[in-house]
Amino acid sequence: MKKFYTLLVSAVVALAANATDFYLIGGFNGWTLKDPTCLFTAQGDGTYVLDLGVTLTSGFKINDGTWSNDNCNFGNNGSKLVIGEVYNLSVGGSSKDIAISENIENPHLVFNPEAKTLLITGQSKEAVYCYAVHGEVFDGATWTSGNMEEVDGKWVLTAAIVPGSFGLMQMDAESLKQTGWFAGVPVGEEAPTFTLDNLGQPQAVTDLEDVRANWSSNLEGEYTFTFDPEALTLTINEASGIASVIVDNDAPAVYYNLQGVEVANPVRGIYIQVRGTSVKKVVL
């Protein structure tokens, strides 16, 4: 009997050692791996549960705390998740971010990795978005952001730029967390390059659920970006001084942690730095 009990304990320990931890990860937490506040709890019946303590915004996935295991990378099935309805997940490294049409307050998530399903309940809240040009076009090296300003239903930024790659970052207007990404065309197709030859010509923007290739630009000087979220187009013109928002690198820097909380005296770590209309992630 003692031998059988020892074998049983060993088996339980082995199963526990082989158990997989699952985490929710997305723009809402700055895509932080192994965030302890986003760890699902196994229920013993094959399901995992998470009561998230923050508002859930569009653009998230489930993984094992790494990006290295394709079998533990759960994402978008090609449609948007609906609150209160079971959502069938896709699996693999090529799976896209899960999108929702509204924010979810007090989200309760039930995840079944075997059935590849996710059910989210909670209170829906209208999603309000803002946008930024994000890329290496501001200094030619690092990827930084220039926040756009809404003008008559369109989003506008005037800034001094240099040649480089870029895209449009969609953010939750309240938390400034990234909720999506707009760019040129699906990967595999050649994204347009913005040049003097196509100034003023609207370029098509792909849907957030598509896999996208970033734009490139060989422009240098002061130009105005205009994004039309209804028509899904981006236009670049020579700066006219109208509805301009200039990236001010001389403005005082304000720091936020990855949960969106302002930090008065940041110490060593990763922070979101807001300087004027520029937003970027920095390591101190």
C-alpha atoms as a PDB file:
ATOM      1  CA  MET A   1       0.000   0.000   0.000  1.00  0.00           C
ATOM      2  CA  LYS A   2       2.837   2.374   0.863  1.00  0.00           C
ATOM      3  CA  LYS A   3       4.458   1.713  -2.512  1.00  0.00           C
ATOM      4  CA  PHE A   4       1.194   2.438  -4.359  1.00  0.00           C
ATOM      5  CA  TYR A   5       0.735   5.664  -2.388  1.00  0.00           C
ATOM      6  CA  THR A   6       4.292   6.737  -3.251  1.00  0.00           C
ATOM      7  CA  LEU A   7       3.656   6.066  -6.945  1.00  0.00           C
ATOM      8  CA  LEU A   8       0.392   8.016  -6.787  1.00  0.00           C
ATOM      9  CA  VAL A   9       2.090  11.018  -5.173  1.00  0.00           C
ATOM     10  CA  SER A  10       4.866  10.871  -7.765  1.00  0.00           C
ATOM     11  CA  ALA A  11       2.295  10.852 -10.552  1.00  0.00           C
ATOM     12  CA  VAL A  12       0.495  13.877  -9.117  1.00  0.00           C
ATOM     13  CA  VAL A  13       3.766  15.763  -8.724  1.00  0.00           C
ATOM     14  CA  ALA A  14       4.721  14.891 -12.313  1.00  0.00           C
ATOM     15  CA  LEU A  15       1.379  16.142 -13.618  1.00  0.00           C
ATOM     16  CA  ALA A  16       1.742  19.367 -11.650  1.00  0.00           C
ATOM     17  CA  ALA A  17       5.247  19.879 -12.997  1.00  0.00           C
ATOM     18  CA  ASN A  18       3.988  19.400 -16.565  1.00  0.00           C
ATOM     19  CA  ALA A  19       0.957  21.684 -16.139  1.00  0.00           C
ATOM     20  CA  THR A  20       0.965  24.692 -18.462  1.00  0.00           C
ATOM     21  CA  ASP A  21       0.438  28.205 -17.214  1.00  0.00           C
ATOM     22  CA  PHE A  22      -1.641  30.408 -19.497  1.00  0.00           C
ATOM     23  CA  TYR A  23      -1.568  34.204 -19.583  1.00  0.00           C
ATOM     24  CA  LEU A  24      -3.662  36.888 -21.219  1.00  0.00           C
ATOM     25  CA  ILE A  25      -1.432  39.348 -23.063  1.00  0.00           C
ATOM     26  CA  GLY A  26      -2.171  42.384 -25.172  1.00  0.00           C
ATOM     27  CA  GLY A  27      -2.053  46.109 -25.620  1.00  0.00           C
ATOM     28  CA  PHE A  28      -3.952  46.557 -22.363  1.00  0.00           C
ATOM     29  CA  ASN A  29      -0.829  45.483 -20.403  1.00  0.00           C
ATOM     30  CA  GLY A  30       1.833  46.647 -22.843  1.00  0.00           C
ATOM     31  CA  TRP A  31       2.274  43.075 -24.169  1.00  0.00           C
ATOM     32  CA  THR A  32       4.006  42.079 -20.943  1.00  0.00           C
ATOM     33  CA  LEU A  33       4.949  38.393 -20.844  1.00  0.00           C
ATOM     34  CA  LYS A  34       4.113  36.404 -17.697  1.00  0.00           C
ATOM     35  CA  ASP A  35       2.191  39.257 -16.114  1.00  0.00           C
ATOM     36  CA  PRO A  36       1.087  37.750 -12.761  1.00  0.00           C
ATOM     37  CA  THR A  37      -2.143  39.783 -12.847  1.00  0.00           C
ATOM     38  CA  CYS A  38      -3.039  38.076 -16.150  1.00  0.00           C
ATOM     39  CA  LEU A  39      -2.409  34.453 -15.112  1.00  0.00           C
ATOM     40  CA  PHE A  40      -5.341  32.074 -15.654  1.00  0.00           C
ATOM     41  CA  THR A  41      -6.307  29.695 -12.811  1.00  0.00           C
ATOM     42  CA  ALA A  42      -6.848  26.008 -13.681  1.00  0.00           C
ATOM     43  CA  GLN A  43     -10.267  24.756 -12.572  1.00  0.00           C
ATOM     44  CA  GLY A  44      -9.477  21.028 -12.704  1.00  0.00           C
ATOM     45  CA  ASP A  45     -12.030  20.334 -15.446  1.00  0.00           C
ATOM     46  CA  GLY A  46      -9.863  21.416 -18.380  1.00  0.00           C
ATOM     47  CA  THR A  47     -10.878  25.075 -18.195  1.00  0.00           C
ATOM     48  CA  TYR A  48      -8.923  28.098 -16.972  1.00  0.00           C
ATOM     49  CA  VAL A  49     -10.470  31.218 -15.457  1.00  0.00           C
ATOM     50  CA  LEU A  50      -9.253  34.798 -15.135  1.00  0.00           C
ATOM     51  CA  ASP A  51     -10.946  37.803 -13.529  1.00  0.00           C
ATOM     52  CA  LEU A  52      -9.013  40.699 -14.992  1.00  0.00           C
ATOM     53  CA  GLY A  53      -8.686  43.723 -12.751  1.00  0.00           C
ATOM     54  CA  VAL A  54      -8.489  46.276 -15.586  1.00  0.00           C
ATOM     55  CA  THR A  55     -10.613  47.204 -18.579  1.00  0.00           C
ATOM     56  CA  LEU A  56      -9.957  44.885 -21.531  1.00  0.00           C
ATOM     57  CA  THR A  57      -9.408  46.624 -24.852  1.00  0.00           C
ATOM     58  CA  SER A  58      -9.174  45.240 -28.366  1.00  0.00           C
ATOM     59  CA  GLY A  59      -5.986  43.457 -29.425  1.00  0.00           C
ATOM     60  CA  PHE A  60      -4.968  40.542 -27.189  1.00  0.00           C
ATOM     61  CA  LYS A  61      -3.972  36.861 -27.222  1.00  0.00           C
ATOM     62  CA  ILE A  62      -3.409  33.939 -24.859  1.00  0.00           C
ATOM     63  CA  ASN A  63      -0.064  32.166 -24.520  1.00  0.00           C
ATOM     64  CA  ASP A  64       2.086  30.245 -22.055  1.00  0.00           C
ATOM     65  CA  GLY A  65       4.164  33.277 -21.153  1.00  0.00           C
ATOM     66  CA  THR A  66       6.425  32.892 -24.197  1.00  0.00           C
ATOM     67  CA  TRP A  67       6.220  33.362 -27.939  1.00  0.00           C
ATOM     68  CA  SER A  68       8.220  30.189 -28.606  1.00  0.00           C
ATOM     69  CA  ASN A  69       5.481  27.516 -28.351  1.00  0.00           C
ATOM     70  CA  ASP A  70       3.122  27.585 -31.346  1.00  0.00           C
ATOM     71  CA  ASN A  71       0.792  25.091 -29.686  1.00  0.00           C
ATOM     72  CA  CYS A  72       0.253  27.551 -26.822  1.00  0.00           C
ATOM     73  CA  ASN A  73      -0.349  30.653 -28.922  1.00  0.00           C
ATOM     74  CA  PHE A  74      -4.104  31.320 -29.179  1.00  0.00           C
ATOM     75  CA  GLY A  75      -5.531  34.159 -31.253  1.00  0.00           C
ATOM     76  CA  ASN A  76      -8.018  35.509 -33.782  1.00  0.00           C
ATOM     77  CA  ASN A  77     -10.099  33.153 -35.947  1.00  0.00           C
ATOM     78  CA  GLY A  78     -10.838  35.848 -38.527  1.00  0.00           C
ATOM     79  CA  SER A  79     -13.825  37.369 -36.732  1.00  0.00           C
ATOM     80  CA  LYS A  80     -14.347  39.681 -33.767  1.00  0.00           C
ATOM     81  CA  LEU A  81     -15.101  38.302 -30.321  1.00  0.00           C
ATOM     82  CA  VAL A  82     -18.571  39.107 -28.957  1.00  0.00           C
ATOM     83  CA  ILE A  83     -19.165  39.515 -25.214  1.00  0.00           C
ATOM     84  CA  GLY A  84     -21.091  36.567 -23.770  1.00  0.00           C
ATOM     85  CA  GLU A  85     -20.610  34.312 -26.811  1.00  0.00           C
ATOM     86  CA  VAL A  86     -18.193  31.368 -27.038  1.00  0.00           C
ATOM     87  CA  TYR A  87     -15.313  32.274 -29.348  1.00  0.00           C
ATOM     88  CA  ASN A  88     -13.366  29.637 -31.295  1.00  0.00           C
ATOM     89  CA  LEU A  89      -9.660  30.393 -31.171  1.00  0.00           C
ATOM     90  CA  SER A  90      -7.017  29.815 -33.813  1.00  0.00           C
ATOM     91  CA  VAL A  91      -3.684  28.325 -32.761  1.00  0.00           C
ATOM     92  CA  GLY A  92      -0.127  28.935 -33.936  1.00  0.00           C
ATOM     93  CA  GLY A  93       2.513  31.571 -34.384  1.00  0.00           C
ATOM     94  CA  SER A  94       0.638  33.091 -37.310  1.00  0.00           C
ATOM     95  CA  SER A  95      -2.556  33.630 -35.305  1.00  0.00           C
ATOM     96  CA  LYS A  96      -3.568  37.278 -35.172  1.00  0.00           C
ATOM     97  CA  ASP A  97      -4.648  39.422 -32.248  1.00  0.00           C
ATOM     98  CA  ILE A  98      -8.199  38.939 -30.990  1.00  0.00           C
ATOM     99  CA  ALA A  99     -10.328  41.990 -31.757  1.00  0.00           C
ATOM    100  CA  ILE A 100     -13.445  43.284 -29.992  1.00  0.00           C
ATOM    101  CA  SER A 101     -15.747  46.134 -31.003  1.00  0.00           C
ATOM    102  CA  GLU A 102     -16.109  47.524 -27.485  1.00  0.00           C
ATOM    103  CA  ASN A 103     -14.120  47.655 -24.274  1.00  0.00           C
ATOM    104  CA  ILE A 104     -15.021  45.210 -21.479  1.00  0.00           C
ATOM    105  CA  GLU A 105     -15.119  46.300 -17.846  1.00  0.00           C
ATOM    106  CA  ASN A 106     -14.780  43.692 -15.079  1.00  0.00           C
ATOM    107  CA  PRO A 107     -14.008  40.977 -17.649  1.00  0.00           C
ATOM    108  CA  HIS A 108     -14.424  37.341 -16.572  1.00  0.00           C
ATOM    109  CA  LEU A 109     -12.642  34.957 -18.948  1.00  0.00           C
ATOM    110  CA  VAL A 110     -13.155  31.208 -19.282  1.00  0.00           C
ATOM    111  CA  PHE A 111     -10.523  29.577 -21.504  1.00  0.00           C
ATOM    112  CA  ASN A 112     -10.507  25.950 -22.688  1.00  0.00           C
ATOM    113  CA  PRO A 113      -7.179  25.114 -24.391  1.00  0.00           C
ATOM    114  CA  GLU A 114      -8.311  21.629 -25.411  1.00  0.00           C
ATOM    115  CA  ALA A 115     -11.515  22.833 -27.071  1.00  0.00           C
ATOM    116  CA  LYS A 116      -9.733  26.022 -28.206  1.00  0.00           C
ATOM    117  CA  THR A 117     -12.542  28.270 -26.946  1.00  0.00           C
ATOM    118  CA  LEU A 118     -12.784  31.514 -24.991  1.00  0.00           C
ATOM    119  CA  LEU A 119     -15.847  33.010 -23.289  1.00  0.00           C
ATOM    120  CA  ILE A 120     -15.707  36.564 -21.924  1.00  0.00           C
ATOM    121  CA  THR A 121     -18.448  38.175 -19.865  1.00  0.00           C
ATOM    122  CA  GLY A 122     -18.528  41.631 -18.291  1.00  0.00           C
ATOM    123  CA  GLN A 123     -19.911  45.095 -18.872  1.00  0.00           C
ATOM    124  CA  SER A 124     -19.493  46.508 -22.347  1.00  0.00           C
ATOM    125  CA  LYS A 125     -18.225  50.063 -22.718  1.00  0.00           C
ATOM    126  CA  GLU A 126     -18.035  52.082 -25.896  1.00  0.00           C
ATOM    127  CA  ALA A 127     -14.549  52.025 -27.344  1.00  0.00           C
ATOM    128  CA  VAL A 128     -13.212  55.472 -28.216  1.00  0.00           C
ATOM    129  CA  TYR A 129      -9.999  55.534 -30.226  1.00  0.00           C
ATOM    130  CA  CYS A 130      -7.210  57.943 -31.012  1.00  0.00           C
ATOM    131  CA  TYR A 131      -4.330  57.479 -33.429  1.00  0.00           C
ATOM    132  CA  ALA A 132      -0.610  58.081 -33.814  1.00  0.00           C
ATOM    133  CA  VAL A 133       1.954  57.827 -36.588  1.00  0.00           C
ATOM    134  CA  HIS A 134       4.463  55.311 -35.264  1.00  0.00           C
ATOM    135  CA  GLY A 135       7.748  54.534 -36.944  1.00  0.00           C
ATOM    136  CA  GLU A 136      11.336  55.513 -37.607  1.00  0.00           C
ATOM    137  CA  VAL A 137      10.354  58.510 -39.726  1.00  0.00           C
ATOM    138  CA  PHE A 138      10.911  60.988 -36.878  1.00  0.00           C
ATOM    139  CA  ASP A 139      14.614  60.325 -36.305  1.00  0.00           C
ATOM    140  CA  GLY A 140      15.523  57.662 -38.863  1.00  0.00           C
ATOM    141  CA  ALA A 141      16.551  55.088 -36.258  1.00  0.00           C
ATOM    142  CA  THR A 142      14.222  54.374 -33.337  1.00  0.00           C
ATOM    143  CA  TRP A 143      10.492  53.716 -33.546  1.00  0.00           C
ATOM    144  CA  THR A 144       8.662  56.580 -31.840  1.00  0.00           C
ATOM    145  CA  SER A 145       5.164  58.051 -32.039  1.00  0.00           C
ATOM    146  CA  GLY A 146       3.619  61.341 -33.030  1.00  0.00           C
ATOM    147  CA  ASN A 147       0.062  61.659 -31.729  1.00  0.00           C
ATOM    148  CA  MET A 148      -2.552  62.769 -34.255  1.00  0.00           C
ATOM    149  CA  GLU A 149      -5.296  65.325 -33.609  1.00  0.00           C
ATOM    150  CA  GLU A 150      -8.925  64.864 -34.679  1.00  0.00           C
ATOM    151  CA  VAL A 151     -10.059  67.463 -37.200  1.00  0.00           C
ATOM    152  CA  ASP A 152     -13.575  67.133 -38.662  1.00  0.00           C
ATOM    153  CA  GLY A 153     -13.619  63.355 -38.277  1.00  0.00           C
ATOM    154  CA  LYS A 154     -10.113  62.853 -39.639  1.00  0.00           C
ATOM    155  CA  TRP A 155      -6.839  62.475 -37.759  1.00  0.00           C
ATOM    156  CA  VAL A 156      -4.006  64.847 -38.603  1.00  0.00           C
ATOM    157  CA  LEU A 157      -0.339  65.214 -37.712  1.00  0.00           C
ATOM    158  CA  THR A 158       2.161  67.707 -39.084  1.00  0.00           C
ATOM    159  CA  ALA A 159       5.772  66.924 -38.253  1.00  0.00           C
ATOM    160  CA  ALA A 160       9.313  67.071 -39.515  1.00  0.00           C
ATOM    161  CA  ILE A 161      10.164  63.620 -40.898  1.00  0.00           C
ATOM    162  CA  VAL A 162      13.050  61.728 -42.498  1.00  0.00           C
ATOM    163  CA  PRO A 163      13.017  58.599 -44.708  1.00  0.00           C
ATOM    164  CA  GLY A 164      11.962  55.398 -42.916  1.00  0.00           C
ATOM    165  CA  SER A 165       9.206  52.861 -42.227  1.00  0.00           C
ATOM    166  CA  PHE A 166       6.010  53.553 -40.290  1.00  0.00           C
ATOM    167  CA  GLY A 167       2.424  52.555 -39.577  1.00  0.00           C
ATOM    168  CA  LEU A 168      -0.615  53.961 -37.789  1.00  0.00           C
ATOM    169  CA  MET A 169      -1.140  52.924 -34.179  1.00  0.00           C
ATOM    170  CA  GLN A 170      -4.694  52.800 -32.868  1.00  0.00           C
ATOM    171  CA  MET A 171      -5.008  53.483 -29.119  1.00  0.00           C
ATOM    172  CA  ASP A 172      -7.737  53.483 -26.511  1.00  0.00           C
ATOM    173  CA  ALA A 173      -8.449  57.179 -25.968  1.00  0.00           C
ATOM    174  CA  GLU A 174      -8.786  56.806 -22.191  1.00  0.00           C
ATOM    175  CA  SER A 175      -5.793  54.639 -21.319  1.00  0.00           C
ATOM    176  CA  LEU A 176      -3.624  55.346 -24.406  1.00  0.00           C
ATOM    177  CA  LYS A 177      -3.003  51.590 -24.635  1.00  0.00           C
ATOM    178  CA  GLN A 178      -2.460  50.224 -28.133  1.00  0.00           C
ATOM    179  CA  THR A 179      -5.536  48.449 -29.507  1.00  0.00           C
ATOM    180  CA  GLY A 180      -4.529  47.879 -33.104  1.00  0.00           C
ATOM    181  CA  TRP A 181      -2.297  48.665 -36.049  1.00  0.00           C
ATOM    182  CA  PHE A 182      -3.010  50.068 -39.494  1.00  0.00           C
ATOM    183  CA  ALA A 183      -0.556  49.825 -42.372  1.00  0.00           C
ATOM    184  CA  GLY A 184      -0.310  49.322 -46.101  1.00  0.00           C
ATOM    185  CA  VAL A 185      -1.150  45.883 -47.428  1.00  0.00           C
ATOM    186  CA  PRO A 186      -1.174  42.216 -46.351  1.00  0.00           C
ATOM    187  CA  VAL A 187       2.283  40.731 -45.906  1.00  0.00           C
ATOM    188  CA  GLY A 188       3.463  39.246 -49.203  1.00  0.00           C
ATOM    189  CA  GLU A 189       2.320  42.268 -51.189  1.00  0.00           C
ATOM    190  CA  GLU A 190       4.428  45.351 -51.743  1.00  0.00           C
ATOM    191  CA  ALA A 191       3.364  48.256 -49.559  1.00  0.00           C
ATOM    192  CA  PRO A 192       3.400  51.668 -51.244  1.00  0.00           C
ATOM    193  CA  THR A 193       6.278  54.033 -50.648  1.00  0.00           C
ATOM    194  CA  PHE A 194       5.311  57.636 -50.037  1.00  0.00           C
ATOM    195  CA  THR A 195       7.275  59.864 -52.413  1.00  0.00           C
ATOM    196  CA  LEU A 196       6.978  63.316 -53.976  1.00  0.00           C
ATOM    197  CA  ASP A 197       5.205  61.612 -56.891  1.00  0.00           C
ATOM    198  CA  ASN A 198       2.200  60.483 -54.831  1.00  0.00           C
ATOM    199  CA  LEU A 199       1.801  63.442 -52.469  1.00  0.00           C
ATOM    200  CA  GLY A 200      -1.866  64.186 -51.898  1.00  0.00           C
ATOM    201  CA  GLN A 201      -2.984  60.822 -53.256  1.00  0.00           C
ATOM    202  CA  PRO A 202      -4.954  58.780 -50.666  1.00  0.00           C
ATOM    203  CA  GLN A 203      -3.420  55.336 -50.051  1.00  0.00           C
ATOM    204  CA  ALA A 204      -5.577  52.410 -48.918  1.00  0.00           C
ATOM    205  CA  VAL A 205      -5.289  51.252 -45.308  1.00  0.00           C
ATOM    206  CA  THR A 206      -5.840  47.569 -44.481  1.00  0.00           C
ATOM    207  CA  ASP A 207      -8.238  46.361 -41.820  1.00  0.00           C
ATOM    208  CA  LEU A 208      -6.880  45.775 -38.320  1.00  0.00           C
ATOM    209  CA  GLU A 209      -7.511  42.022 -38.546  1.00  0.00           C
ATOM    210  CA  ASP A 210      -5.234  41.590 -41.549  1.00  0.00           C
ATOM    211  CA  VAL A 211      -1.508  40.895 -41.394  1.00  0.00           C
ATOM    212  CA  ARG A 212       0.122  44.031 -42.677  1.00  0.00           C
ATOM    213  CA  ALA A 213       3.324  45.235 -44.296  1.00  0.00           C
ATOM    214  CA  ASN A 214       4.397  48.663 -43.032  1.00  0.00           C
ATOM    215  CA  TRP A 215       4.635  51.675 -45.272  1.00  0.00           C
ATOM    216  CA  SER A 216       7.909  53.338 -46.159  1.00  0.00           C
ATOM    217  CA  SER A 217       8.637  56.945 -47.052  1.00  0.00           C
ATOM    218  CA  ASN A 218      11.545  58.685 -48.730  1.00  0.00           C
ATOM    219  CA  LEU A 219      10.229  62.136 -47.800  1.00  0.00           C
ATOM    220  CA  GLU A 220      12.321  64.577 -45.794  1.00  0.00           C
ATOM    221  CA  GLY A 221      11.034  67.850 -44.395  1.00  0.00           C
ATOM    222  CA  GLU A 222       7.755  68.966 -42.825  1.00  0.00           C
ATOM    223  CA  TYR A 223       4.694  67.041 -43.986  1.00  0.00           C
ATOM    224  CA  THR A 224       1.086  66.509 -42.927  1.00  0.00           C
ATOM    225  CA  PHE A 225      -0.360  63.008 -42.414  1.00  0.00           C
ATOM    226  CA  THR A 226      -4.156  62.725 -42.722  1.00  0.00           C
ATOM    227  CA  PHE A 227      -5.877  59.477 -41.737  1.00  0.00           C
ATOM    228  CA  ASP A 228      -9.553  58.953 -42.613  1.00  0.00           C
ATOM    229  CA  PRO A 229     -10.873  56.076 -40.429  1.00  0.00           C
ATOM    230  CA  GLU A 230     -14.170  55.944 -42.356  1.00  0.00           C
ATOM    231  CA  ALA A 231     -12.664  55.743 -45.836  1.00  0.00           C
ATOM    232  CA  LEU A 232      -9.624  53.814 -44.521  1.00  0.00           C
ATOM    233  CA  THR A 233      -7.132  55.985 -46.345  1.00  0.00           C
ATOM    234  CA  LEU A 234      -3.902  57.781 -45.477  1.00  0.00           C
ATOM    235  CA  THR A 235      -2.755  60.883 -47.326  1.00  0.00           C
ATOM    236  CA  ILE A 236       0.522  62.795 -46.978  1.00  0.00           C
ATOM    237  CA  ASN A 237       0.795  66.405 -48.107  1.00  0.00           C
ATOM    238  CA  GLU A 238       3.363  69.137 -47.804  1.00  0.00           C
ATOM    239  CA  ALA A 239       2.773  70.981 -44.537  1.00  0.00           C
ATOM    240  CA  SER A 240       0.392  73.896 -44.941  1.00  0.00           C
ATOM    241  CA  GLY A 241       0.206  75.053 -41.330  1.00  0.00           C
ATOM    242  CA  ILE A 242      -3.466  74.075 -41.179  1.00  0.00           C
ATOM    243  CA  ALA A 243      -4.500  71.704 -38.386  1.00  0.00           C
ATOM    244  CA  SER A 244      -0.872  71.058 -37.618  1.00  0.00           C
ATOM    245  CA  VAL A 245       0.393  69.114 -34.645  1.00  0.00           C
ATOM    246  CA  ILE A 246       4.145  69.430 -34.306  1.00  0.00           C
ATOM    247  CA  VAL A 247       6.223  66.846 -32.499  1.00  0.00           C
ATOM    248  CA  ASP A 248       7.807  68.858 -29.684  1.00  0.00           C
ATOM    249  CA  ASN A 249      10.979  67.157 -28.513  1.00  0.00           C
ATOM    250  CA  ASP A 250      11.677  70.059 -26.104  1.00  0.00           C
ATOM    251  CA  ALA A 251       8.494  69.440 -24.078  1.00  0.00           C
ATOM    252  CA  PRO A 252       8.924  67.996 -20.556  1.00  0.00           C
ATOM    253  CA  ALA A 253       8.802  64.197 -20.393  1.00  0.00           C
ATOM    254  CA  VAL A 254       6.004  62.466 -18.454  1.00  0.00           C
ATOM    255  CA  TYR A 255       6.416  58.773 -17.596  1.00  0.00           C
ATOM    256  CA  TYR A 256       3.808  56.034 -17.162  1.00  0.00           C
ATOM    257  CA  ASN A 257       4.250  52.407 -16.138  1.00  0.00           C
ATOM    258  CA  LEU A 258       2.974  49.611 -18.402  1.00  0.00           C
ATOM    259  CA  GLN A 259      -0.371  49.690 -16.576  1.00  0.00           C
ATOM    260  CA  GLY A 260      -0.887  53.321 -17.637  1.00  0.00           C
ATOM    261  CA  VAL A 261      -0.253  54.855 -14.189  1.00  0.00           C
ATOM    262  CA  GLU A 262       1.802  58.068 -14.130  1.00  0.00           C
ATOM    263  CA  VAL A 263       5.143  57.709 -12.325  1.00  0.00           C
ATOM    264  CA  ALA A 264       6.490  60.932 -10.833  1.00  0.00           C
ATOM    265  CA  ASN A 265      10.023  59.667 -10.154  1.00  0.00           C
ATOM    266  CA  PRO A 266      10.759  56.682 -12.378  1.00  0.00           C
ATOM    267  CA  VAL A 267      13.577  54.344 -11.393  1.00  0.00           C
ATOM    268  CA  ARG A 268      15.131  51.520 -13.412  1.00  0.00           C
ATOM    269  CA  GLY A 269      12.630  49.696 -15.609  1.00  0.00           C
ATOM    270  CA  ILE A 270      10.437  49.969 -18.719  1.00  0.00           C
ATOM    271  CA  TYR A 271       8.168  53.010 -19.049  1.00  0.00           C
ATOM    272  CA  ILE A 272       5.972  54.820 -21.571  1.00  0.00           C
ATOM    273  CA  GLN A 273       7.447  58.284 -22.154  1.00  0.00           C
ATOM    274  CA  VAL A 274       5.115  61.059 -23.312  1.00  0.00           C
ATOM    275  CA  ARG A 275       6.911  64.194 -24.489  1.00  0.00           C
ATOM    276  CA  GLY A 276       4.582  66.682 -26.154  1.00  0.00           C
ATOM    277  CA  THR A 277       2.852  64.654 -28.871  1.00  0.00           C
ATOM    278  CA  SER A 278       5.546  61.969 -28.918  1.00  0.00           C
ATOM    279  CA  VAL A 279       4.825  58.630 -27.209  1.00  0.00           C
ATOM    280  CA  LYS A 280       7.418  55.864 -26.963  1.00  0.00           C
ATOM    281  CA  LYS A 281       8.522  52.969 -24.766  1.00  0.00           C
ATOM    282  CA  VAL A 282      11.835  53.588 -22.998  1.00  0.00           C
ATOM    283  CA  VAL A 283      14.159  51.632 -20.730  1.00  0.00           C
ATOM    284  CA  LEU A 284      15.670  53.550 -17.811  1.00  0.00           C
END
